[in-house]
């Protein structure tokens, strides 16, 4: 069985994928993970997860058709234009 290992380097930090390993059962997987990713004290905590327990999400429904990763997809351009106009008019009024 294949297990995915996630490790936390220090308390309070997020877990990151450290690698994969093959083990006969959960007990062996835990021992292997400790040996590979915790032996030298490089990990604060480990998550040992059977690969088939991981759910892959690859389809995201965007009902509003907005792209939040791009400025032009989330109507910020108009807000930025108005903000620049306000700043420009405030500077003009101040310089009078």
PDB file of N, CA and C in Angstrom:
ATOM      1  N   UNK A   1       0.852  -1.176   0.000  1.00  0.00           N
ATOM      2  CA  UNK A   1       0.000   0.000   0.000  1.00  0.00           C
ATOM      3  C   UNK A   1       0.899   1.241   0.000  1.00  0.00           C
ATOM      4  N   UNK A   2       0.512   2.248  -0.748  1.00  0.00           N
ATOM      5  CA  UNK A   2       1.272   3.498  -0.831  1.00  0.00           C
ATOM      6  C   UNK A   2       0.701   4.495   0.173  1.00  0.00           C
ATOM      7  N   UNK A   3       1.602   5.160   0.906  1.00  0.00           N
ATOM      8  CA  UNK A   3       1.222   6.182   1.883  1.00  0.00           C
ATOM      9  C   UNK A   3       1.876   7.501   1.489  1.00  0.00           C
ATOM     10  N   UNK A   4       1.140   8.575   1.674  1.00  0.00           N
ATOM     11  CA  UNK A   4       1.671   9.921   1.457  1.00  0.00           C
ATOM     12  C   UNK A   4       2.025  10.497   2.826  1.00  0.00           C
ATOM     13  N   UNK A   5       3.188  11.132   2.906  1.00  0.00           N
ATOM     14  CA  UNK A   5       3.678  11.665   4.170  1.00  0.00           C
ATOM     15  C   UNK A   5       3.693  13.187   4.101  1.00  0.00           C
ATOM     16  N   UNK A   6       3.123  13.799   5.120  1.00  0.00           N
ATOM     17  CA  UNK A   6       3.122  15.252   5.261  1.00  0.00           C
ATOM     18  C   UNK A   6       3.845  15.572   6.562  1.00  0.00           C
ATOM     19  N   UNK A   7       4.685  16.574   6.534  1.00  0.00           N
ATOM     20  CA  UNK A   7       5.447  16.897   7.748  1.00  0.00           C
ATOM     21  C   UNK A   7       5.339  18.370   8.110  1.00  0.00           C
ATOM     22  N   UNK A   8       5.442  18.612   9.398  1.00  0.00           N
ATOM     23  CA  UNK A   8       5.445  19.964   9.941  1.00  0.00           C
ATOM     24  C   UNK A   8       6.838  20.200  10.509  1.00  0.00           C
ATOM     25  N   UNK A   9       7.500  21.223  10.021  1.00  0.00           N
ATOM     26  CA  UNK A   9       8.874  21.466  10.442  1.00  0.00           C
ATOM     27  C   UNK A   9       8.951  22.032  11.861  1.00  0.00           C
ATOM     28  N   UNK A  10       8.073  22.982  12.179  1.00  0.00           N
ATOM     29  CA  UNK A  10       8.016  23.574  13.528  1.00  0.00           C
ATOM     30  C   UNK A  10       6.570  23.764  13.931  1.00  0.00           C
ATOM     31  N   UNK A  11       6.316  23.780  15.219  1.00  0.00           N
ATOM     32  CA  UNK A  11       4.944  23.985  15.716  1.00  0.00           C
ATOM     33  C   UNK A  11       4.373  25.280  15.156  1.00  0.00           C
ATOM     34  N   UNK A  12       3.104  25.224  14.759  1.00  0.00           N
ATOM     35  CA  UNK A  12       2.438  26.402  14.221  1.00  0.00           C
ATOM     36  C   UNK A  12       2.597  26.577  12.722  1.00  0.00           C
ATOM     37  N   UNK A  13       3.544  25.872  12.119  1.00  0.00           N
ATOM     38  CA  UNK A  13       3.726  25.981  10.678  1.00  0.00           C
ATOM     39  C   UNK A  13       2.790  25.008   9.972  1.00  0.00           C
ATOM     40  N   UNK A  14       2.501  25.256   8.704  1.00  0.00           N
ATOM     41  CA  UNK A  14       1.640  24.332   7.950  1.00  0.00           C
ATOM     42  C   UNK A  14       2.373  23.025   7.652  1.00  0.00           C
ATOM     43  N   UNK A  15       1.599  21.999   7.359  1.00  0.00           N
ATOM     44  CA  UNK A  15       2.159  20.725   6.926  1.00  0.00           C
ATOM     45  C   UNK A  15       2.440  20.797   5.427  1.00  0.00           C
ATOM     46  N   UNK A  16       3.526  20.169   5.002  1.00  0.00           N
ATOM     47  CA  UNK A  16       3.892  20.118   3.586  1.00  0.00           C
ATOM     48  C   UNK A  16       4.111  18.669   3.193  1.00  0.00           C
ATOM     49  N   UNK A  17       3.818  18.369   1.937  1.00  0.00           N
ATOM     50  CA  UNK A  17       4.032  17.011   1.446  1.00  0.00           C
ATOM     51  C   UNK A  17       5.526  16.718   1.457  1.00  0.00           C
ATOM     52  N   UNK A  18       5.896  15.622   2.117  1.00  0.00           N
ATOM     53  CA  UNK A  18       7.308  15.265   2.235  1.00  0.00           C
ATOM     54  C   UNK A  18       7.689  14.170   1.246  1.00  0.00           C
ATOM     55  N   UNK A  19       6.719  13.305   0.911  1.00  0.00           N
ATOM     56  CA  UNK A  19       7.035  12.227  -0.009  1.00  0.00           C
ATOM     57  C   UNK A  19       6.054  11.085   0.133  1.00  0.00           C
ATOM     58  N   UNK A  20       6.393   9.975  -0.498  1.00  0.00           N
ATOM     59  CA  UNK A  20       5.553   8.785  -0.476  1.00  0.00           C
ATOM     60  C   UNK A  20       6.400   7.604  -0.038  1.00  0.00           C
ATOM     61  N   UNK A  21       5.738   6.604   0.496  1.00  0.00           N
ATOM     62  CA  UNK A  21       6.432   5.373   0.823  1.00  0.00           C
ATOM     63  C   UNK A  21       5.483   4.197   0.683  1.00  0.00           C
ATOM     64  N   UNK A  22       6.048   3.027   0.512  1.00  0.00           N
ATOM     65  CA  UNK A  22       5.251   1.810   0.396  1.00  0.00           C
ATOM     66  C   UNK A  22       5.454   0.987   1.657  1.00  0.00           C
ATOM     67  N   UNK A  23       4.343   0.553   2.255  1.00  0.00           N
ATOM     68  CA  UNK A  23       4.403  -0.243   3.476  1.00  0.00           C
ATOM     69  C   UNK A  23       3.287  -1.277   3.469  1.00  0.00           C
ATOM     70  N   UNK A  24       3.507  -2.355   4.216  1.00  0.00           N
ATOM     71  CA  UNK A  24       2.537  -3.452   4.264  1.00  0.00           C
ATOM     72  C   UNK A  24       1.264  -3.064   5.008  1.00  0.00           C
ATOM     73  N   UNK A  25       1.384  -2.199   6.020  1.00  0.00           N
ATOM     74  CA  UNK A  25       0.212  -1.783   6.806  1.00  0.00           C
ATOM     75  C   UNK A  25       0.490  -0.443   7.476  1.00  0.00           C
ATOM     76  N   UNK A  26      -0.491   0.049   8.241  1.00  0.00           N
ATOM     77  CA  UNK A  26      -0.386   1.373   8.877  1.00  0.00           C
ATOM     78  C   UNK A  26       0.775   1.434   9.869  1.00  0.00           C
ATOM     79  N   UNK A  27       0.979   0.355  10.639  1.00  0.00           N
ATOM     80  CA  UNK A  27       2.054   0.362  11.635  1.00  0.00           C
ATOM     81  C   UNK A  27       3.427   0.505  10.983  1.00  0.00           C
ATOM     82  N   UNK A  28       3.652  -0.273   9.918  1.00  0.00           N
ATOM     83  CA  UNK A  28       4.921  -0.152   9.212  1.00  0.00           C
ATOM     84  C   UNK A  28       5.060   1.236   8.584  1.00  0.00           C
ATOM     85  N   UNK A  29       4.006   1.739   8.030  1.00  0.00           N
ATOM     86  CA  UNK A  29       4.057   3.070   7.406  1.00  0.00           C
ATOM     87  C   UNK A  29       4.441   4.129   8.435  1.00  0.00           C
ATOM     88  N   UNK A  30       3.873   4.038   9.613  1.00  0.00           N
ATOM     89  CA  UNK A  30       4.206   4.998  10.676  1.00  0.00           C
ATOM     90  C   UNK A  30       5.682   4.891  11.062  1.00  0.00           C
ATOM     91  N   UNK A  31       6.170   3.672  11.215  1.00  0.00           N
ATOM     92  CA  UNK A  31       7.576   3.476  11.590  1.00  0.00           C
ATOM     93  C   UNK A  31       8.519   3.966  10.485  1.00  0.00           C
ATOM     94  N   UNK A  32       8.194   3.651   9.235  1.00  0.00           N
ATOM     95  CA  UNK A  32       9.011   4.119   8.120  1.00  0.00           C
ATOM     96  C   UNK A  32       9.023   5.643   8.060  1.00  0.00           C
ATOM     97  N   UNK A  33       7.861   6.251   8.243  1.00  0.00           N
ATOM     98  CA  UNK A  33       7.776   7.714   8.187  1.00  0.00           C
ATOM     99  C   UNK A  33       8.628   8.341   9.286  1.00  0.00           C
ATOM    100  N   UNK A  34       8.550   7.790  10.476  1.00  0.00           N
ATOM    101  CA  UNK A  34       9.381   8.315  11.577  1.00  0.00           C
ATOM    102  C   UNK A  34      10.861   8.194  11.231  1.00  0.00           C
ATOM    103  N   UNK A  35      11.231   7.068  10.655  1.00  0.00           N
ATOM    104  CA  UNK A  35      12.634   6.834  10.304  1.00  0.00           C
ATOM    105  C   UNK A  35      13.094   7.779   9.189  1.00  0.00           C
ATOM    106  N   UNK A  36      12.291   7.916   8.142  1.00  0.00           N
ATOM    107  CA  UNK A  36      12.686   8.727   6.989  1.00  0.00           C
ATOM    108  C   UNK A  36      12.585  10.227   7.243  1.00  0.00           C
ATOM    109  N   UNK A  37      11.556  10.667   7.971  1.00  0.00           N
ATOM    110  CA  UNK A  37      11.268  12.104   8.072  1.00  0.00           C
ATOM    111  C   UNK A  37      11.373  12.675   9.485  1.00  0.00           C
ATOM    112  N   UNK A  38      11.732  11.860  10.470  1.00  0.00           N
ATOM    113  CA  UNK A  38      11.815  12.372  11.822  1.00  0.00           C
ATOM    114  C   UNK A  38      13.057  11.969  12.577  1.00  0.00           C
ATOM    115  N   UNK A  39      13.864  11.136  11.989  1.00  0.00           N
ATOM    116  CA  UNK A  39      15.031  10.571  12.666  1.00  0.00           C
ATOM    117  C   UNK A  39      16.019  11.645  13.114  1.00  0.00           C
ATOM    118  N   UNK A  40      16.213  12.653  12.302  1.00  0.00           N
ATOM    119  CA  UNK A  40      17.201  13.697  12.617  1.00  0.00           C
ATOM    120  C   UNK A  40      16.568  14.937  13.235  1.00  0.00           C
ATOM    121  N   UNK A  41      15.319  14.809  13.661  1.00  0.00           N
ATOM    122  CA  UNK A  41      14.655  15.943  14.311  1.00  0.00           C
ATOM    123  C   UNK A  41      14.207  17.024  13.354  1.00  0.00           C
ATOM    124  N   UNK A  42      14.108  16.708  12.061  1.00  0.00           N
ATOM    125  CA  UNK A  42      13.717  17.726  11.083  1.00  0.00           C
ATOM    126  C   UNK A  42      12.218  17.948  11.027  1.00  0.00           C
ATOM    127  N   UNK A  43      11.444  17.115  11.732  1.00  0.00           N
ATOM    128  CA  UNK A  43       9.983  17.260  11.712  1.00  0.00           C
ATOM    129  C   UNK A  43       9.447  17.365  13.131  1.00  0.00           C
ATOM    130  N   UNK A  44       8.508  18.263  13.309  1.00  0.00           N
ATOM    131  CA  UNK A  44       7.815  18.402  14.589  1.00  0.00           C
ATOM    132  C   UNK A  44       6.670  17.390  14.673  1.00  0.00           C
ATOM    133  N   UNK A  45       5.975  17.187  13.526  1.00  0.00           N
ATOM    134  CA  UNK A  45       4.846  16.261  13.484  1.00  0.00           C
ATOM    135  C   UNK A  45       4.735  15.698  12.069  1.00  0.00           C
ATOM    136  N   UNK A  46       4.130  14.516  11.971  1.00  0.00           N
ATOM    137  CA  UNK A  46       3.940  13.855  10.678  1.00  0.00           C
ATOM    138  C   UNK A  46       2.493  13.433  10.522  1.00  0.00           C
ATOM    139  N   UNK A  47       2.008  13.481   9.301  1.00  0.00           N
ATOM    140  CA  UNK A  47       0.730  12.882   8.926  1.00  0.00           C
ATOM    141  C   UNK A  47       1.060  11.756   7.956  1.00  0.00           C
ATOM    142  N   UNK A  48       0.570  10.570   8.239  1.00  0.00           N
ATOM    143  CA  UNK A  48       0.767   9.417   7.380  1.00  0.00           C
ATOM    144  C   UNK A  48      -0.612   9.024   6.857  1.00  0.00           C
ATOM    145  N   UNK A  49      -0.806   9.176   5.542  1.00  0.00           N
ATOM    146  CA  UNK A  49      -2.135   9.022   4.948  1.00  0.00           C
ATOM    147  C   UNK A  49      -2.096   8.005   3.812  1.00  0.00           C
ATOM    148  N   UNK A  50      -2.975   6.986   3.857  1.00  0.00           N
ATOM    149  CA  UNK A  50      -3.041   6.077   2.702  1.00  0.00           C
ATOM    150  C   UNK A  50      -3.431   6.868   1.453  1.00  0.00           C
ATOM    151  N   UNK A  51      -2.746   6.604   0.363  1.00  0.00           N
ATOM    152  CA  UNK A  51      -2.986   7.364  -0.861  1.00  0.00           C
ATOM    153  C   UNK A  51      -4.448   7.324  -1.288  1.00  0.00           C
ATOM    154  N   UNK A  52      -5.118   6.183  -1.136  1.00  0.00           N
ATOM    155  CA  UNK A  52      -6.514   6.099  -1.574  1.00  0.00           C
ATOM    156  C   UNK A  52      -7.465   6.897  -0.682  1.00  0.00           C
ATOM    157  N   UNK A  53      -6.992   7.355   0.473  1.00  0.00           N
ATOM    158  CA  UNK A  53      -7.831   8.182   1.348  1.00  0.00           C
ATOM    159  C   UNK A  53      -7.820   9.652   0.927  1.00  0.00           C
ATOM    160  N   UNK A  54      -6.927  10.018   0.034  1.00  0.00           N
ATOM    161  CA  UNK A  54      -6.827  11.406  -0.416  1.00  0.00           C
ATOM    162  C   UNK A  54      -7.845  11.636  -1.519  1.00  0.00           C
ATOM    163  N   UNK A  55      -8.600  12.682  -1.389  1.00  0.00           N
ATOM    164  CA  UNK A  55      -9.625  13.031  -2.374  1.00  0.00           C
ATOM    165  C   UNK A  55      -9.084  14.154  -3.241  1.00  0.00           C
ATOM    166  N   UNK A  56      -9.038  13.915  -4.526  1.00  0.00           N
ATOM    167  CA  UNK A  56      -8.559  14.933  -5.456  1.00  0.00           C
ATOM    168  C   UNK A  56      -9.740  15.764  -5.939  1.00  0.00           C
ATOM    169  N   UNK A  57      -9.595  17.066  -5.833  1.00  0.00           N
ATOM    170  CA  UNK A  57     -10.619  17.994  -6.309  1.00  0.00           C
ATOM    171  C   UNK A  57     -10.012  18.736  -7.485  1.00  0.00           C
ATOM    172  N   UNK A  58     -10.595  18.540  -8.664  1.00  0.00           N
ATOM    173  CA  UNK A  58     -10.022  19.188  -9.841  1.00  0.00           C
ATOM    174  C   UNK A  58     -11.034  19.982 -10.645  1.00  0.00           C
ATOM    175  N   UNK A  59     -12.293  19.950 -10.255  1.00  0.00           N
ATOM    176  CA  UNK A  59     -13.314  20.727 -10.951  1.00  0.00           C
ATOM    177  C   UNK A  59     -13.913  21.738  -9.991  1.00  0.00           C
ATOM    178  N   UNK A  60     -13.806  22.985 -10.349  1.00  0.00           N
ATOM    179  CA  UNK A  60     -14.342  24.052  -9.511  1.00  0.00           C
ATOM    180  C   UNK A  60     -15.449  24.765 -10.269  1.00  0.00           C
ATOM    181  N   UNK A  61     -16.604  24.832  -9.677  1.00  0.00           N
ATOM    182  CA  UNK A  61     -17.749  25.477 -10.315  1.00  0.00           C
ATOM    183  C   UNK A  61     -17.730  26.948  -9.944  1.00  0.00           C
ATOM    184  N   UNK A  62     -17.762  27.788 -10.950  1.00  0.00           N
ATOM    185  CA  UNK A  62     -17.772  29.232 -10.735  1.00  0.00           C
ATOM    186  C   UNK A  62     -19.080  29.757 -11.301  1.00  0.00           C
ATOM    187  N   UNK A  63     -20.120  29.725 -10.495  1.00  0.00           N
ATOM    188  CA  UNK A  63     -21.446  30.103 -10.964  1.00  0.00           C
ATOM    189  C   UNK A  63     -21.544  31.572 -11.360  1.00  0.00           C
ATOM    190  N   UNK A  64     -20.746  32.431 -10.748  1.00  0.00           N
ATOM    191  CA  UNK A  64     -20.796  33.858 -11.054  1.00  0.00           C
ATOM    192  C   UNK A  64     -19.834  34.246 -12.176  1.00  0.00           C
ATOM    193  N   UNK A  65     -19.073  33.290 -12.670  1.00  0.00           N
ATOM    194  CA  UNK A  65     -18.123  33.522 -13.762  1.00  0.00           C
ATOM    195  C   UNK A  65     -17.101  34.613 -13.427  1.00  0.00           C
ATOM    196  N   UNK A  66     -16.613  34.584 -12.200  1.00  0.00           N
ATOM    197  CA  UNK A  66     -15.597  35.552 -11.775  1.00  0.00           C
ATOM    198  C   UNK A  66     -14.266  34.838 -11.631  1.00  0.00           C
ATOM    199  N   UNK A  67     -13.232  35.525 -11.995  1.00  0.00           N
ATOM    200  CA  UNK A  67     -11.890  34.996 -11.828  1.00  0.00           C
ATOM    201  C   UNK A  67     -11.216  35.847 -10.760  1.00  0.00           C
ATOM    202  N   UNK A  68     -11.125  35.306  -9.554  1.00  0.00           N
ATOM    203  CA  UNK A  68     -10.579  36.060  -8.435  1.00  0.00           C
ATOM    204  C   UNK A  68      -9.062  36.145  -8.463  1.00  0.00           C
ATOM    205  N   UNK A  69      -8.416  35.425  -9.371  1.00  0.00           N
ATOM    206  CA  UNK A  69      -6.968  35.462  -9.462  1.00  0.00           C
ATOM    207  C   UNK A  69      -6.484  36.568 -10.386  1.00  0.00           C
ATOM    208  N   UNK A  70      -7.395  37.162 -11.106  1.00  0.00           N
ATOM    209  CA  UNK A  70      -7.030  38.238 -12.025  1.00  0.00           C
ATOM    210  C   UNK A  70      -7.785  39.498 -11.633  1.00  0.00           C
ATOM    211  N   UNK A  71      -7.100  40.625 -11.691  1.00  0.00           N
ATOM    212  CA  UNK A  71      -7.716  41.887 -11.299  1.00  0.00           C
ATOM    213  C   UNK A  71      -8.912  42.210 -12.181  1.00  0.00           C
ATOM    214  N   UNK A  72      -8.822  41.950 -13.467  1.00  0.00           N
ATOM    215  CA  UNK A  72      -9.921  42.317 -14.348  1.00  0.00           C
ATOM    216  C   UNK A  72     -11.124  41.388 -14.212  1.00  0.00           C
ATOM    217  N   UNK A  73     -10.968  40.256 -13.527  1.00  0.00           N
ATOM    218  CA  UNK A  73     -12.091  39.347 -13.326  1.00  0.00           C
ATOM    219  C   UNK A  73     -12.937  39.719 -12.126  1.00  0.00           C
ATOM    220  N   UNK A  74     -12.423  40.544 -11.256  1.00  0.00           N
ATOM    221  CA  UNK A  74     -13.140  40.897 -10.032  1.00  0.00           C
ATOM    222  C   UNK A  74     -13.330  42.405  -9.934  1.00  0.00           C
ATOM    223  N   UNK A  75     -13.765  43.008 -10.924  1.00  0.00           N
ATOM    224  CA  UNK A  75     -14.145  44.426 -11.026  1.00  0.00           C
ATOM    225  C   UNK A  75     -13.343  45.374 -10.144  1.00  0.00           C
ATOM    226  N   UNK A  76     -12.055  45.161 -10.019  1.00  0.00           N
ATOM    227  CA  UNK A  76     -11.219  46.093  -9.257  1.00  0.00           C
ATOM    228  C   UNK A  76     -10.738  47.248 -10.132  1.00  0.00           C
ATOM    229  N   UNK A  77     -10.722  47.050 -11.425  1.00  0.00           N
ATOM    230  CA  UNK A  77     -10.235  48.112 -12.301  1.00  0.00           C
ATOM    231  C   UNK A  77     -11.031  49.394 -12.115  1.00  0.00           C
ATOM    232  N   UNK A  78     -12.341  49.268 -12.091  1.00  0.00           N
ATOM    233  CA  UNK A  78     -13.188  50.456 -11.926  1.00  0.00           C
ATOM    234  C   UNK A  78     -12.968  51.090 -10.550  1.00  0.00           C
ATOM    235  N   UNK A  79     -12.863  50.273  -9.517  1.00  0.00           N
ATOM    236  CA  UNK A  79     -12.621  50.802  -8.169  1.00  0.00           C
ATOM    237  C   UNK A  79     -11.271  51.502  -8.090  1.00  0.00           C
ATOM    238  N   UNK A  80     -10.254  50.930  -8.717  1.00  0.00           N
ATOM    239  CA  UNK A  80      -8.935  51.562  -8.725  1.00  0.00           C
ATOM    240  C   UNK A  80      -8.958  52.881  -9.488  1.00  0.00           C
ATOM    241  N   UNK A  81      -9.669  52.931 -10.610  1.00  0.00           N
ATOM    242  CA  UNK A  81      -9.761  54.166 -11.400  1.00  0.00           C
ATOM    243  C   UNK A  81     -10.397  55.270 -10.568  1.00  0.00           C
ATOM    244  N   UNK A  82     -11.513  54.947  -9.881  1.00  0.00           N
ATOM    245  CA  UNK A  82     -12.186  55.957  -9.045  1.00  0.00           C
ATOM    246  C   UNK A  82     -11.292  56.409  -7.893  1.00  0.00           C
ATOM    247  N   UNK A  83     -10.557  55.473  -7.287  1.00  0.00           N
ATOM    248  CA  UNK A  83      -9.663  55.831  -6.184  1.00  0.00           C
ATOM    249  C   UNK A  83      -8.548  56.750  -6.672  1.00  0.00           C
ATOM    250  N   UNK A  84      -7.997  56.473  -7.854  1.00  0.00           N
ATOM    251  CA  UNK A  84      -6.947  57.335  -8.410  1.00  0.00           C
ATOM    252  C   UNK A  84      -7.491  58.734  -8.712  1.00  0.00           C
ATOM    253  N   UNK A  85      -8.714  58.796  -9.211  1.00  0.00           N
ATOM    254  CA  UNK A  85      -9.331  60.095  -9.475  1.00  0.00           C
ATOM    255  C   UNK A  85      -9.513  60.884  -8.185  1.00  0.00           C
ATOM    256  N   UNK A  86      -9.947  60.216  -7.121  1.00  0.00           N
ATOM    257  CA  UNK A  86     -10.131  60.909  -5.829  1.00  0.00           C
ATOM    258  C   UNK A  86      -8.801  61.440  -5.310  1.00  0.00           C
ATOM    259  N   UNK A  87      -7.762  60.627  -5.413  1.00  0.00           N
ATOM    260  CA  UNK A  87      -6.444  61.056  -4.944  1.00  0.00           C
ATOM    261  C   UNK A  87      -5.944  62.210  -5.779  1.00  0.00           C
ATOM    262  N   UNK A  88      -6.124  62.113  -7.099  1.00  0.00           N
ATOM    263  CA  UNK A  88      -5.683  63.194  -7.982  1.00  0.00           C
ATOM    264  C   UNK A  88      -6.395  64.494  -7.692  1.00  0.00           C
ATOM    265  N   UNK A  89      -7.723  64.444  -7.479  1.00  0.00           N
ATOM    266  CA  UNK A  89      -8.457  65.668  -7.194  1.00  0.00           C
ATOM    267  C   UNK A  89      -8.115  66.212  -5.809  1.00  0.00           C
ATOM    268  N   UNK A  90      -7.795  65.360  -4.875  1.00  0.00           N
ATOM    269  CA  UNK A  90      -7.403  65.815  -3.544  1.00  0.00           C
ATOM    270  C   UNK A  90      -6.051  66.526  -3.609  1.00  0.00           C
ATOM    271  N   UNK A  91      -5.139  66.010  -4.435  1.00  0.00           N
ATOM    272  CA  UNK A  91      -3.831  66.647  -4.578  1.00  0.00           C
ATOM    273  C   UNK A  91      -3.968  68.000  -5.276  1.00  0.00           C
ATOM    274  N   UNK A  92      -4.817  68.087  -6.275  1.00  0.00           N
ATOM    275  CA  UNK A  92      -5.045  69.353  -6.976  1.00  0.00           C
ATOM    276  C   UNK A  92      -5.634  70.375  -6.009  1.00  0.00           C
ATOM    277  N   UNK A  93      -6.613  69.986  -5.214  1.00  0.00           N
ATOM    278  CA  UNK A  93      -7.252  70.900  -4.264  1.00  0.00           C
ATOM    279  C   UNK A  93      -6.242  71.345  -3.210  1.00  0.00           C
ATOM    280  N   UNK A  94      -5.349  70.460  -2.797  1.00  0.00           N
ATOM    281  CA  UNK A  94      -4.356  70.795  -1.781  1.00  0.00           C
ATOM    282  C   UNK A  94      -3.345  71.795  -2.306  1.00  0.00           C
ATOM    283  N   UNK A  95      -2.993  71.682  -3.575  1.00  0.00           N
ATOM    284  CA  UNK A  95      -1.966  72.559  -4.159  1.00  0.00           C
ATOM    285  C   UNK A  95      -2.483  73.933  -4.490  1.00  0.00           C
ATOM    286  N   UNK A  96      -3.766  74.172  -4.404  1.00  0.00           N
ATOM    287  CA  UNK A  96      -4.317  75.494  -4.763  1.00  0.00           C
ATOM    288  C   UNK A  96      -3.996  76.520  -3.753  1.00  0.00           C
TER     289      UNK A  96
END
